[in-house]
């Protein structure tokens, strides 16, 4: 096996090139697995779709299922945030006069 960047000979068990440090198996880390996608979804929301679709560990059907799930959860959270803003605005409309 050779490094795609520097063409240095690499062992099959290596994850990174010992000469230049480039990953030998891109998109195969923790962030590209089910647990990593879940963690990223909790941290950055729908932006976790980027590493999800770059993943080489997950099948296309798993990626579609994750995409639908992330989309539904994101839509629900956006709707909930919108409703909270409306309730907050309504609650303070009684407290302050209209010209305030």
Protein backbone atom coordinates (compact mmCIF):
# COMPACT_ATOMS: atom_id res chain seq x y z
CA UNK A 1 0.00 0.00 0.00
CA UNK A 2 1.28 3.49 -0.86
CA UNK A 3 0.34 6.92 0.42
CA UNK A 4 -1.74 8.82 -2.18
CA UNK A 5 0.08 12.06 -1.38
CA UNK A 6 3.78 11.25 -1.09
CA UNK A 7 3.81 7.70 -2.53
CA UNK A 8 5.73 6.48 0.56
CA UNK A 9 5.30 2.79 1.34
CA UNK A 10 2.71 2.29 4.11
CA UNK A 11 1.68 -0.73 6.14
CA UNK A 12 -1.87 -2.08 5.70
CA UNK A 13 -2.62 -1.47 9.40
CA UNK A 14 -1.60 2.21 9.27
CA UNK A 15 -4.31 4.84 9.38
CA UNK A 16 -1.91 7.72 8.62
CA UNK A 17 1.20 7.94 6.48
CA UNK A 18 4.34 7.71 8.59
CA UNK A 19 6.13 10.06 6.23
CA UNK A 20 3.70 12.97 5.54
CA UNK A 21 0.89 12.36 8.09
CA UNK A 22 -1.94 12.29 5.53
CA UNK A 23 -4.82 9.94 6.39
CA UNK A 24 -4.69 6.77 4.34
CA UNK A 25 -8.41 6.09 4.75
CA UNK A 26 -10.29 9.40 4.55
CA UNK A 27 -13.84 9.68 5.86
CA UNK A 28 -13.47 6.59 8.04
CA UNK A 29 -13.07 8.20 11.49
CA UNK A 30 -15.44 8.32 14.44
CA UNK A 31 -17.38 11.29 13.05
CA UNK A 32 -18.46 9.21 10.07
CA UNK A 33 -20.05 6.41 12.11
CA UNK A 34 -23.54 6.20 13.68
CA UNK A 35 -22.36 7.45 17.07
CA UNK A 36 -20.44 10.33 15.54
CA UNK A 37 -23.39 11.42 13.41
CA UNK A 38 -25.64 11.36 16.48
CA UNK A 39 -23.15 13.40 18.50
CA UNK A 40 -22.70 15.90 15.68
CA UNK A 41 -26.47 16.20 15.29
CA UNK A 42 -26.81 17.08 18.96
CA UNK A 43 -24.01 19.67 18.67
CA UNK A 44 -24.49 21.31 15.27
CA UNK A 45 -27.94 20.14 14.16
CA UNK A 46 -28.54 19.76 10.43
CA UNK A 47 -24.91 20.58 9.62
CA UNK A 48 -24.16 16.98 10.59
CA UNK A 49 -25.52 15.99 7.17
CA UNK A 50 -22.19 16.95 5.61
CA UNK A 51 -20.04 14.28 7.31
CA UNK A 52 -22.98 11.88 7.11
CA UNK A 53 -22.97 11.93 3.31
CA UNK A 54 -19.15 11.92 3.13
CA UNK A 55 -19.03 8.76 5.22
CA UNK A 56 -17.80 5.58 3.62
CA UNK A 57 -18.84 3.47 6.60
CA UNK A 58 -22.60 3.89 6.23
CA UNK A 59 -24.79 2.46 3.50
CA UNK A 60 -26.99 4.65 1.31
CA UNK A 61 -30.14 3.40 3.05
CA UNK A 62 -28.66 4.28 6.46
CA UNK A 63 -27.72 7.74 5.15
CA UNK A 64 -31.27 8.27 3.87
CA UNK A 65 -32.74 7.17 7.21
CA UNK A 66 -30.41 9.51 9.11
CA UNK A 67 -31.26 12.37 6.72
CA UNK A 68 -35.00 11.92 7.24
CA UNK A 69 -34.56 11.68 11.01
CA UNK A 70 -32.32 14.74 11.20
CA UNK A 71 -34.73 16.66 8.96
CA UNK A 72 -37.76 15.79 11.10
CA UNK A 73 -36.00 16.67 14.36
CA UNK A 74 -34.65 19.93 12.92
CA UNK A 75 -38.07 20.93 11.59
CA UNK A 76 -39.70 20.17 14.95
CA UNK A 77 -37.08 22.19 16.85
CA UNK A 78 -37.45 25.12 14.43
CA UNK A 79 -41.25 25.04 14.81
CA UNK A 80 -40.91 24.87 18.62
CA UNK A 81 -38.53 27.83 18.62
CA UNK A 82 -40.95 29.82 16.44
CA UNK A 83 -43.87 29.04 18.78
CA UNK A 84 -41.79 30.04 21.84
CA UNK A 85 -40.91 33.36 20.26
CA UNK A 86 -44.58 34.01 19.51
CA UNK A 87 -45.58 33.13 23.08
CA UNK A 88 -42.80 35.29 24.48
CA UNK A 89 -43.87 38.20 22.27
CA UNK A 90 -47.52 37.77 23.29
CA UNK A 91 -46.63 37.62 26.99
CA UNK A 92 -44.68 40.87 26.83
CA UNK A 93 -47.22 42.67 24.65
CA UNK A 94 -49.49 42.92 27.71
CA UNK A 95 -46.66 44.22 29.91
CA UNK A 96 -45.40 47.05 27.71
CA UNK A 97 -47.48 49.65 25.85
CA UNK A 98 -47.66 49.48 22.04
CA UNK A 99 -45.33 52.48 21.53
CA UNK A 100 -42.57 51.08 23.71
